[in-house]
Amino acid sequence: MVSNPMLRRSLDTLAAAVLLLAIALPARAAARCPWMNDATASGLLGGDAVGNYVDRPAACTFTQTGNGVTRTLTVSVFDSPKPHDLVESLLRDCEQASPVQAIGNEAAVCTAGHSKYLRPNRLIGRVRGQVFVIAFDTTLRSDPILNNESISAKIDIAAEQIAGNLF
């Protein structure tokens, strides 16, 4: 037993901090995206992004907000017994699709009808029995970070990482 009251108070505070840390760390780890980290998403979105992972359906959404703009990067992964059919179904939602080489199987970049400002804004691909969709969006009409000139390179970077992590 510690007789010094100041030392006792310090030990109690340390014990409480360790307990809070032990509770908080597993909760934080459970929400991490398995295919991309916050730092990579932040680089693609042009600022500090906060990630959120949902298990069913498996999806990570990274959001970067600041200066009157919100940018998002969403990564969704689907296990499918018929992945080719799922890719074909998802591609039907695209206004225009262009094949992409060396990114998994059946990868195509496309424009989805819901994005007002960003073209192209989505990549659909497959690795074995897993189909993945990567989507970027912005609330700013003339976004200097996610614009039509830079979006293809950002999609490629994200797709290489996602496809590599699914192999």
N, C-alpha and C. Protein backbone atom coordinates (compact mmCIF):
# COMPACT_ATOMS: atom_id res chain seq x y z
N MET A 1 0.84 -1.17 0.00
CA MET A 1 0.00 0.00 0.00
C MET A 1 0.89 1.25 0.00
N VAL A 2 0.48 2.26 -0.78
CA VAL A 2 1.24 3.50 -0.89
C VAL A 2 0.74 4.49 0.16
N SER A 3 1.66 5.00 0.99
CA SER A 3 1.27 5.91 2.06
C SER A 3 1.33 7.38 1.64
N ASN A 4 2.10 7.72 0.65
CA ASN A 4 2.22 9.09 0.19
C ASN A 4 0.97 9.45 -0.63
N PRO A 5 0.16 10.42 -0.19
CA PRO A 5 -1.09 10.75 -0.89
C PRO A 5 -0.87 11.25 -2.32
N MET A 6 0.19 12.01 -2.58
CA MET A 6 0.45 12.50 -3.94
C MET A 6 0.84 11.36 -4.86
N LEU A 7 1.65 10.44 -4.37
CA LEU A 7 2.04 9.29 -5.16
C LEU A 7 0.83 8.41 -5.42
N ARG A 8 -0.01 8.24 -4.42
CA ARG A 8 -1.21 7.42 -4.55
C ARG A 8 -2.15 8.01 -5.61
N ARG A 9 -2.33 9.34 -5.59
CA ARG A 9 -3.18 10.02 -6.56
C ARG A 9 -2.61 9.86 -7.98
N SER A 10 -1.30 9.96 -8.12
CA SER A 10 -0.65 9.79 -9.42
C SER A 10 -0.84 8.37 -9.95
N LEU A 11 -0.70 7.39 -9.07
CA LEU A 11 -0.90 6.00 -9.47
C LEU A 11 -2.35 5.73 -9.86
N ASP A 12 -3.29 6.33 -9.12
CA ASP A 12 -4.70 6.18 -9.47
C ASP A 12 -5.00 6.79 -10.84
N THR A 13 -4.45 7.97 -11.10
CA THR A 13 -4.63 8.63 -12.38
C THR A 13 -4.03 7.80 -13.51
N LEU A 14 -2.85 7.25 -13.30
CA LEU A 14 -2.20 6.41 -14.29
C LEU A 14 -3.02 5.16 -14.56
N ALA A 15 -3.54 4.54 -13.52
CA ALA A 15 -4.36 3.34 -13.67
C ALA A 15 -5.63 3.66 -14.47
N ALA A 16 -6.25 4.80 -14.18
CA ALA A 16 -7.46 5.19 -14.91
C ALA A 16 -7.14 5.44 -16.39
N ALA A 17 -6.02 6.08 -16.67
CA ALA A 17 -5.63 6.35 -18.06
C ALA A 17 -5.36 5.05 -18.81
N VAL A 18 -4.69 4.10 -18.18
CA VAL A 18 -4.42 2.81 -18.81
C VAL A 18 -5.73 2.07 -19.09
N LEU A 19 -6.66 2.12 -18.16
CA LEU A 19 -7.95 1.47 -18.34
C LEU A 19 -8.72 2.10 -19.50
N LEU A 20 -8.76 3.41 -19.57
CA LEU A 20 -9.44 4.08 -20.67
C LEU A 20 -8.80 3.76 -22.01
N LEU A 21 -7.49 3.72 -22.05
CA LEU A 21 -6.78 3.37 -23.27
C LEU A 21 -7.08 1.94 -23.69
N ALA A 22 -7.11 1.03 -22.74
CA ALA A 22 -7.41 -0.37 -23.04
C ALA A 22 -8.82 -0.53 -23.59
N ILE A 23 -9.75 0.30 -23.14
CA ILE A 23 -11.12 0.24 -23.65
C ILE A 23 -11.22 0.89 -25.02
N ALA A 24 -10.54 2.01 -25.21
CA ALA A 24 -10.66 2.78 -26.46
C ALA A 24 -9.95 2.14 -27.63
N LEU A 25 -8.81 1.53 -27.44
CA LEU A 25 -8.04 0.97 -28.56
C LEU A 25 -8.77 -0.12 -29.32
N PRO A 26 -9.36 -1.12 -28.66
CA PRO A 26 -10.09 -2.12 -29.44
C PRO A 26 -11.26 -1.52 -30.20
N ALA A 27 -11.94 -0.54 -29.65
CA ALA A 27 -13.06 0.07 -30.34
C ALA A 27 -12.58 0.81 -31.59
N ARG A 28 -11.46 1.48 -31.52
CA ARG A 28 -10.89 2.19 -32.67
C ARG A 28 -10.42 1.21 -33.73
N ALA A 29 -9.78 0.12 -33.32
CA ALA A 29 -9.26 -0.86 -34.26
C ALA A 29 -10.37 -1.54 -35.04
N ALA A 30 -11.53 -1.72 -34.43
CA ALA A 30 -12.63 -2.40 -35.10
C ALA A 30 -13.18 -1.59 -36.27
N ALA A 31 -12.97 -0.28 -36.28
CA ALA A 31 -13.52 0.58 -37.31
C ALA A 31 -12.55 0.85 -38.46
N ARG A 32 -11.41 0.22 -38.48
CA ARG A 32 -10.41 0.49 -39.52
C ARG A 32 -10.74 -0.23 -40.82
N CYS A 33 -10.49 0.45 -41.91
CA CYS A 33 -10.71 -0.11 -43.24
C CYS A 33 -9.64 -1.14 -43.54
N PRO A 34 -10.02 -2.34 -43.99
CA PRO A 34 -9.01 -3.36 -44.27
C PRO A 34 -8.24 -3.17 -45.58
N TRP A 35 -8.68 -2.25 -46.44
CA TRP A 35 -8.05 -2.12 -47.75
C TRP A 35 -7.29 -0.82 -47.96
N MET A 36 -7.54 0.18 -47.12
CA MET A 36 -6.87 1.47 -47.28
C MET A 36 -6.82 2.15 -45.91
N ASN A 37 -5.73 2.86 -45.66
CA ASN A 37 -5.64 3.57 -44.37
C ASN A 37 -6.02 5.05 -44.54
N ASP A 38 -6.22 5.70 -43.40
CA ASP A 38 -6.63 7.11 -43.41
C ASP A 38 -5.60 8.00 -44.09
N ALA A 39 -4.32 7.69 -43.93
CA ALA A 39 -3.26 8.53 -44.51
C ALA A 39 -3.32 8.50 -46.04
N THR A 40 -3.50 7.33 -46.62
CA THR A 40 -3.60 7.23 -48.08
C THR A 40 -4.83 7.97 -48.58
N ALA A 41 -5.96 7.74 -47.92
CA ALA A 41 -7.19 8.42 -48.31
C ALA A 41 -7.03 9.94 -48.17
N SER A 42 -6.37 10.38 -47.12
CA SER A 42 -6.14 11.81 -46.92
C SER A 42 -5.33 12.40 -48.07
N GLY A 43 -4.32 11.69 -48.51
CA GLY A 43 -3.52 12.15 -49.64
C GLY A 43 -4.34 12.25 -50.92
N LEU A 44 -5.23 11.29 -51.14
CA LEU A 44 -6.06 11.31 -52.34
C LEU A 44 -7.12 12.40 -52.29
N LEU A 45 -7.61 12.69 -51.09
CA LEU A 45 -8.68 13.68 -50.94
C LEU A 45 -8.17 15.10 -50.68
N GLY A 46 -6.86 15.24 -50.47
CA GLY A 46 -6.28 16.57 -50.33
C GLY A 46 -6.33 17.18 -48.95
N GLY A 47 -6.47 16.37 -47.92
CA GLY A 47 -6.49 16.88 -46.55
C GLY A 47 -6.84 15.76 -45.59
N ASP A 48 -6.83 16.07 -44.31
CA ASP A 48 -7.11 15.05 -43.29
C ASP A 48 -8.49 14.45 -43.49
N ALA A 49 -8.52 13.14 -43.77
CA ALA A 49 -9.78 12.43 -43.98
C ALA A 49 -10.05 11.52 -42.79
N VAL A 50 -11.30 11.37 -42.48
CA VAL A 50 -11.74 10.49 -41.40
C VAL A 50 -12.42 9.30 -42.05
N GLY A 51 -11.97 8.10 -41.67
CA GLY A 51 -12.52 6.89 -42.25
C GLY A 51 -13.57 6.24 -41.37
N ASN A 52 -14.50 5.57 -42.02
CA ASN A 52 -15.54 4.82 -41.33
C ASN A 52 -15.69 3.49 -42.06
N TYR A 53 -15.68 2.39 -41.31
CA TYR A 53 -15.81 1.06 -41.91
C TYR A 53 -17.09 0.40 -41.43
N VAL A 54 -17.84 -0.16 -42.37
CA VAL A 54 -19.04 -0.91 -42.07
C VAL A 54 -18.83 -2.32 -42.63
N ASP A 55 -19.18 -3.32 -41.83
CA ASP A 55 -18.88 -4.71 -42.20
C ASP A 55 -19.88 -5.31 -43.20
N ARG A 56 -21.15 -4.99 -43.10
CA ARG A 56 -22.15 -5.61 -43.97
C ARG A 56 -23.04 -4.56 -44.59
N PRO A 57 -22.99 -4.29 -45.87
CA PRO A 57 -21.96 -4.74 -46.80
C PRO A 57 -20.63 -4.07 -46.49
N ALA A 58 -19.56 -4.73 -46.86
CA ALA A 58 -18.22 -4.24 -46.53
C ALA A 58 -17.94 -2.95 -47.30
N ALA A 59 -17.79 -1.86 -46.56
CA ALA A 59 -17.55 -0.56 -47.20
C ALA A 59 -16.78 0.35 -46.26
N CYS A 60 -15.86 1.10 -46.86
CA CYS A 60 -15.12 2.13 -46.14
C CYS A 60 -15.47 3.46 -46.80
N THR A 61 -15.79 4.44 -45.98
CA THR A 61 -16.04 5.78 -46.49
C THR A 61 -15.09 6.74 -45.79
N PHE A 62 -14.31 7.44 -46.58
CA PHE A 62 -13.38 8.44 -46.06
C PHE A 62 -13.94 9.81 -46.43
N THR A 63 -13.98 10.69 -45.46
CA THR A 63 -14.55 12.02 -45.68
C THR A 63 -13.53 13.08 -45.27
N GLN A 64 -13.34 14.06 -46.15
CA GLN A 64 -12.47 15.19 -45.88
C GLN A 64 -13.33 16.44 -46.03
N THR A 65 -13.40 17.23 -44.96
CA THR A 65 -14.23 18.42 -44.97
C THR A 65 -13.40 19.63 -44.59
N GLY A 66 -13.62 20.73 -45.28
CA GLY A 66 -12.94 21.98 -44.95
C GLY A 66 -13.14 23.01 -46.02
N ASN A 67 -13.09 24.28 -45.65
CA ASN A 67 -13.20 25.40 -46.59
C ASN A 67 -14.43 25.30 -47.49
N GLY A 68 -15.56 24.90 -46.92
CA GLY A 68 -16.80 24.86 -47.68
C GLY A 68 -16.94 23.71 -48.64
N VAL A 69 -16.11 22.69 -48.51
CA VAL A 69 -16.18 21.54 -49.42
C VAL A 69 -16.12 20.24 -48.61
N THR A 70 -16.83 19.25 -49.10
CA THR A 70 -16.74 17.90 -48.56
C THR A 70 -16.37 16.96 -49.70
N ARG A 71 -15.31 16.23 -49.50
CA ARG A 71 -14.86 15.24 -50.49
C ARG A 71 -14.99 13.86 -49.87
N THR A 72 -15.42 12.89 -50.66
CA THR A 72 -15.54 11.53 -50.15
C THR A 72 -14.89 10.53 -51.08
N LEU A 73 -14.36 9.50 -50.47
CA LEU A 73 -13.82 8.34 -51.16
C LEU A 73 -14.49 7.13 -50.52
N THR A 74 -15.20 6.36 -51.31
CA THR A 74 -15.88 5.17 -50.80
C THR A 74 -15.31 3.94 -51.49
N VAL A 75 -14.99 2.94 -50.69
CA VAL A 75 -14.50 1.65 -51.20
C VAL A 75 -15.48 0.60 -50.71
N SER A 76 -16.09 -0.12 -51.64
CA SER A 76 -17.02 -1.20 -51.30
C SER A 76 -16.49 -2.49 -51.88
N VAL A 77 -16.61 -3.57 -51.11
CA VAL A 77 -16.14 -4.88 -51.57
C VAL A 77 -17.26 -5.89 -51.35
N PHE A 78 -17.57 -6.64 -52.39
CA PHE A 78 -18.64 -7.63 -52.34
C PHE A 78 -18.09 -9.01 -52.65
N ASP A 79 -18.38 -10.00 -51.82
CA ASP A 79 -18.08 -11.40 -52.14
C ASP A 79 -19.24 -11.90 -52.99
N SER A 80 -18.91 -12.56 -54.08
CA SER A 80 -19.97 -13.00 -54.99
C SER A 80 -19.66 -14.37 -55.57
N PRO A 81 -20.65 -15.26 -55.59
CA PRO A 81 -20.45 -16.55 -56.25
C PRO A 81 -20.37 -16.40 -57.77
N LYS A 82 -20.90 -15.29 -58.30
CA LYS A 82 -20.85 -15.00 -59.73
C LYS A 82 -20.31 -13.58 -59.92
N PRO A 83 -19.01 -13.40 -59.69
CA PRO A 83 -18.46 -12.03 -59.73
C PRO A 83 -18.58 -11.36 -61.09
N HIS A 84 -18.44 -12.13 -62.18
CA HIS A 84 -18.55 -11.54 -63.52
C HIS A 84 -19.94 -10.93 -63.71
N ASP A 85 -20.97 -11.65 -63.28
CA ASP A 85 -22.34 -11.14 -63.42
C ASP A 85 -22.54 -9.86 -62.59
N LEU A 86 -21.95 -9.83 -61.39
CA LEU A 86 -22.08 -8.64 -60.55
C LEU A 86 -21.37 -7.44 -61.18
N VAL A 87 -20.19 -7.66 -61.74
CA VAL A 87 -19.47 -6.57 -62.43
C VAL A 87 -20.33 -6.04 -63.58
N GLU A 88 -20.87 -6.93 -64.36
CA GLU A 88 -21.72 -6.51 -65.49
C GLU A 88 -22.93 -5.72 -65.01
N SER A 89 -23.53 -6.15 -63.93
CA SER A 89 -24.68 -5.45 -63.37
C SER A 89 -24.30 -4.05 -62.90
N LEU A 90 -23.19 -3.92 -62.20
CA LEU A 90 -22.74 -2.62 -61.72
C LEU A 90 -22.37 -1.68 -62.88
N LEU A 91 -21.79 -2.23 -63.92
CA LEU A 91 -21.40 -1.41 -65.07
C LEU A 91 -22.62 -0.85 -65.80
N ARG A 92 -23.76 -1.51 -65.68
CA ARG A 92 -24.99 -1.00 -66.33
C ARG A 92 -25.43 0.34 -65.73
N ASP A 93 -24.99 0.63 -64.50
CA ASP A 93 -25.34 1.91 -63.86
C ASP A 93 -24.44 3.06 -64.33
N CYS A 94 -23.45 2.75 -65.13
CA CYS A 94 -22.52 3.78 -65.60
C CYS A 94 -23.05 4.43 -66.87
N GLU A 95 -22.80 5.73 -66.96
CA GLU A 95 -23.15 6.44 -68.20
C GLU A 95 -22.20 6.04 -69.32
N GLN A 96 -20.92 5.87 -68.97
CA GLN A 96 -19.91 5.49 -69.95
C GLN A 96 -18.81 4.76 -69.20
N ALA A 97 -18.38 3.62 -69.72
CA ALA A 97 -17.33 2.84 -69.06
C ALA A 97 -16.17 2.61 -70.00
N SER A 98 -14.95 2.71 -69.46
CA SER A 98 -13.73 2.47 -70.24
C SER A 98 -12.90 1.42 -69.51
N PRO A 99 -12.47 0.37 -70.21
CA PRO A 99 -11.67 -0.67 -69.56
C PRO A 99 -10.35 -0.12 -69.02
N VAL A 100 -9.90 -0.72 -67.92
CA VAL A 100 -8.63 -0.35 -67.29
C VAL A 100 -7.78 -1.62 -67.22
N GLN A 101 -6.54 -1.53 -67.69
CA GLN A 101 -5.64 -2.68 -67.70
C GLN A 101 -4.86 -2.78 -66.39
N ALA A 102 -4.50 -3.98 -66.02
CA ALA A 102 -3.59 -4.29 -64.90
C ALA A 102 -4.14 -3.92 -63.53
N ILE A 103 -5.46 -3.82 -63.39
CA ILE A 103 -6.09 -3.60 -62.09
C ILE A 103 -7.08 -4.74 -61.91
N GLY A 104 -6.67 -5.79 -61.24
CA GLY A 104 -7.57 -6.93 -61.05
C GLY A 104 -8.07 -7.47 -62.37
N ASN A 105 -9.32 -7.92 -62.38
CA ASN A 105 -9.95 -8.44 -63.59
C ASN A 105 -11.17 -7.59 -63.91
N GLU A 106 -11.44 -7.45 -65.18
CA GLU A 106 -12.65 -6.77 -65.65
C GLU A 106 -12.80 -5.35 -65.11
N ALA A 107 -11.73 -4.67 -64.83
CA ALA A 107 -11.82 -3.32 -64.26
C ALA A 107 -12.23 -2.32 -65.34
N ALA A 108 -13.07 -1.39 -64.91
CA ALA A 108 -13.49 -0.31 -65.81
C ALA A 108 -13.71 0.94 -64.98
N VAL A 109 -13.33 2.07 -65.56
CA VAL A 109 -13.58 3.35 -64.92
C VAL A 109 -14.81 3.94 -65.60
N CYS A 110 -15.65 4.57 -64.80
CA CYS A 110 -16.89 5.07 -65.40
C CYS A 110 -17.40 6.30 -64.68
N THR A 111 -18.39 6.89 -65.30
CA THR A 111 -19.09 8.02 -64.74
C THR A 111 -20.44 7.52 -64.26
N ALA A 112 -20.74 7.76 -63.00
CA ALA A 112 -22.04 7.39 -62.47
C ALA A 112 -22.95 8.60 -62.55
N GLY A 113 -24.21 8.37 -62.76
CA GLY A 113 -25.16 9.45 -62.95
C GLY A 113 -25.35 10.35 -61.76
N HIS A 114 -24.96 9.93 -60.54
CA HIS A 114 -25.25 10.73 -59.36
C HIS A 114 -24.27 11.87 -59.12
N SER A 115 -23.11 11.85 -59.73
CA SER A 115 -22.12 12.89 -59.47
C SER A 115 -22.32 14.05 -60.43
N LYS A 116 -22.61 15.22 -59.88
CA LYS A 116 -22.86 16.39 -60.72
C LYS A 116 -21.57 16.97 -61.29
N TYR A 117 -20.48 16.89 -60.50
CA TYR A 117 -19.30 17.66 -60.85
C TYR A 117 -18.08 16.85 -61.29
N LEU A 118 -18.09 15.57 -61.06
CA LEU A 118 -16.86 14.81 -61.23
C LEU A 118 -17.02 13.73 -62.30
N ARG A 119 -16.19 13.79 -63.33
CA ARG A 119 -16.25 12.78 -64.39
C ARG A 119 -14.85 12.40 -64.78
N PRO A 120 -14.45 11.18 -64.85
CA PRO A 120 -15.12 10.00 -64.28
C PRO A 120 -14.96 9.99 -62.77
N ASN A 121 -15.76 9.20 -62.09
CA ASN A 121 -15.68 9.23 -60.64
C ASN A 121 -15.72 7.86 -59.98
N ARG A 122 -15.68 6.79 -60.74
CA ARG A 122 -15.85 5.47 -60.16
C ARG A 122 -15.04 4.42 -60.94
N LEU A 123 -14.56 3.42 -60.19
CA LEU A 123 -13.91 2.27 -60.82
C LEU A 123 -14.57 1.02 -60.26
N ILE A 124 -14.88 0.11 -61.15
CA ILE A 124 -15.46 -1.18 -60.77
C ILE A 124 -14.49 -2.25 -61.25
N GLY A 125 -14.17 -3.19 -60.38
CA GLY A 125 -13.23 -4.24 -60.75
C GLY A 125 -13.49 -5.51 -59.96
N ARG A 126 -12.68 -6.51 -60.26
CA ARG A 126 -12.84 -7.81 -59.62
C ARG A 126 -11.49 -8.42 -59.35
N VAL A 127 -11.36 -9.06 -58.19
CA VAL A 127 -10.21 -9.89 -57.86
C VAL A 127 -10.77 -11.22 -57.36
N ARG A 128 -10.58 -12.25 -58.14
CA ARG A 128 -11.15 -13.58 -57.85
C ARG A 128 -12.66 -13.45 -57.66
N GLY A 129 -13.17 -13.87 -56.51
CA GLY A 129 -14.61 -13.81 -56.25
C GLY A 129 -15.06 -12.55 -55.56
N GLN A 130 -14.20 -11.53 -55.54
CA GLN A 130 -14.55 -10.27 -54.88
C GLN A 130 -14.65 -9.15 -55.90
N VAL A 131 -15.74 -8.44 -55.83
CA VAL A 131 -15.96 -7.28 -56.71
C VAL A 131 -15.76 -6.04 -55.85
N PHE A 132 -15.03 -5.07 -56.39
CA PHE A 132 -14.81 -3.84 -55.64
C PHE A 132 -15.24 -2.62 -56.45
N VAL A 133 -15.72 -1.62 -55.73
CA VAL A 133 -16.13 -0.35 -56.34
C VAL A 133 -15.43 0.76 -55.56
N ILE A 134 -14.78 1.64 -56.28
CA ILE A 134 -14.12 2.80 -55.69
C ILE A 134 -14.81 4.02 -56.27
N ALA A 135 -15.29 4.90 -55.40
CA ALA A 135 -16.01 6.08 -55.88
C ALA A 135 -15.51 7.34 -55.17
N PHE A 136 -15.29 8.38 -55.95
CA PHE A 136 -14.92 9.70 -55.43
C PHE A 136 -16.08 10.64 -55.67
N ASP A 137 -16.24 11.59 -54.77
CA ASP A 137 -17.25 12.64 -55.00
C ASP A 137 -16.83 13.91 -54.27
N THR A 138 -17.37 15.01 -54.71
CA THR A 138 -17.09 16.32 -54.11
C THR A 138 -18.35 17.18 -54.16
N THR A 139 -18.45 18.11 -53.24
CA THR A 139 -19.58 19.04 -53.24
C THR A 139 -19.26 20.34 -53.94
N LEU A 140 -18.03 20.46 -54.43
CA LEU A 140 -17.58 21.72 -55.03
C LEU A 140 -17.52 21.59 -56.55
N ARG A 141 -18.18 22.51 -57.23
CA ARG A 141 -18.22 22.45 -58.70
C ARG A 141 -16.82 22.52 -59.33
N SER A 142 -16.00 23.45 -58.92
CA SER A 142 -14.64 23.59 -59.46
C SER A 142 -13.64 23.22 -58.38
N ASP A 143 -13.63 21.96 -58.00
CA ASP A 143 -12.77 21.49 -56.92
C ASP A 143 -11.32 21.42 -57.42
N PRO A 144 -10.39 22.12 -56.76
CA PRO A 144 -9.00 22.08 -57.21
C PRO A 144 -8.31 20.75 -56.91
N ILE A 145 -8.85 19.95 -56.01
CA ILE A 145 -8.24 18.66 -55.64
C ILE A 145 -8.85 17.52 -56.46
N LEU A 146 -10.16 17.41 -56.46
CA LEU A 146 -10.86 16.38 -57.24
C LEU A 146 -11.47 17.06 -58.46
N ASN A 147 -10.67 17.13 -59.49
CA ASN A 147 -11.16 17.74 -60.73
C ASN A 147 -10.99 16.73 -61.86
N ASN A 148 -11.55 17.04 -63.00
CA ASN A 148 -11.53 16.11 -64.12
C ASN A 148 -10.13 15.79 -64.62
N GLU A 149 -9.18 16.69 -64.37
CA GLU A 149 -7.81 16.43 -64.81
C GLU A 149 -7.08 15.45 -63.88
N SER A 150 -7.36 15.49 -62.59
CA SER A 150 -6.62 14.67 -61.63
C SER A 150 -7.33 13.39 -61.20
N ILE A 151 -8.60 13.29 -61.47
CA ILE A 151 -9.37 12.18 -60.91
C ILE A 151 -8.92 10.82 -61.45
N SER A 152 -8.54 10.73 -62.70
CA SER A 152 -8.11 9.43 -63.25
C SER A 152 -6.89 8.90 -62.53
N ALA A 153 -5.92 9.76 -62.25
CA ALA A 153 -4.72 9.34 -61.52
C ALA A 153 -5.08 8.90 -60.10
N LYS A 154 -5.99 9.61 -59.45
CA LYS A 154 -6.40 9.25 -58.09
C LYS A 154 -7.14 7.92 -58.08
N ILE A 155 -7.98 7.69 -59.07
CA ILE A 155 -8.68 6.40 -59.18
C ILE A 155 -7.67 5.28 -59.37
N ASP A 156 -6.67 5.49 -60.22
CA ASP A 156 -5.65 4.46 -60.45
C ASP A 156 -4.88 4.13 -59.18
N ILE A 157 -4.49 5.15 -58.42
CA ILE A 157 -3.75 4.92 -57.17
C ILE A 157 -4.59 4.12 -56.20
N ALA A 158 -5.83 4.53 -56.03
CA ALA A 158 -6.73 3.81 -55.11
C ALA A 158 -6.96 2.38 -55.58
N ALA A 159 -7.19 2.19 -56.88
CA ALA A 159 -7.49 0.87 -57.42
C ALA A 159 -6.30 -0.08 -57.28
N GLU A 160 -5.08 0.41 -57.52
CA GLU A 160 -3.90 -0.43 -57.35
C GLU A 160 -3.79 -0.92 -55.91
N GLN A 161 -4.06 -0.04 -54.97
CA GLN A 161 -3.96 -0.45 -53.57
C GLN A 161 -5.06 -1.43 -53.19
N ILE A 162 -6.29 -1.15 -53.58
CA ILE A 162 -7.40 -2.03 -53.22
C ILE A 162 -7.22 -3.39 -53.87
N ALA A 163 -6.94 -3.43 -55.15
CA ALA A 163 -6.76 -4.72 -55.84
C ALA A 163 -5.59 -5.49 -55.23
N GLY A 164 -4.50 -4.79 -54.92
CA GLY A 164 -3.35 -5.45 -54.30
C GLY A 164 -3.70 -6.04 -52.94
N ASN A 165 -4.49 -5.35 -52.15
CA ASN A 165 -4.88 -5.86 -50.84
C ASN A 165 -5.89 -6.99 -50.93
N LEU A 166 -6.61 -7.10 -52.03
CA LEU A 166 -7.58 -8.19 -52.19
C LEU A 166 -6.92 -9.47 -52.71
N PHE A 167 -5.70 -9.37 -53.28
CA PHE A 167 -5.03 -10.58 -53.79
C PHE A 167 -4.60 -11.49 -52.68
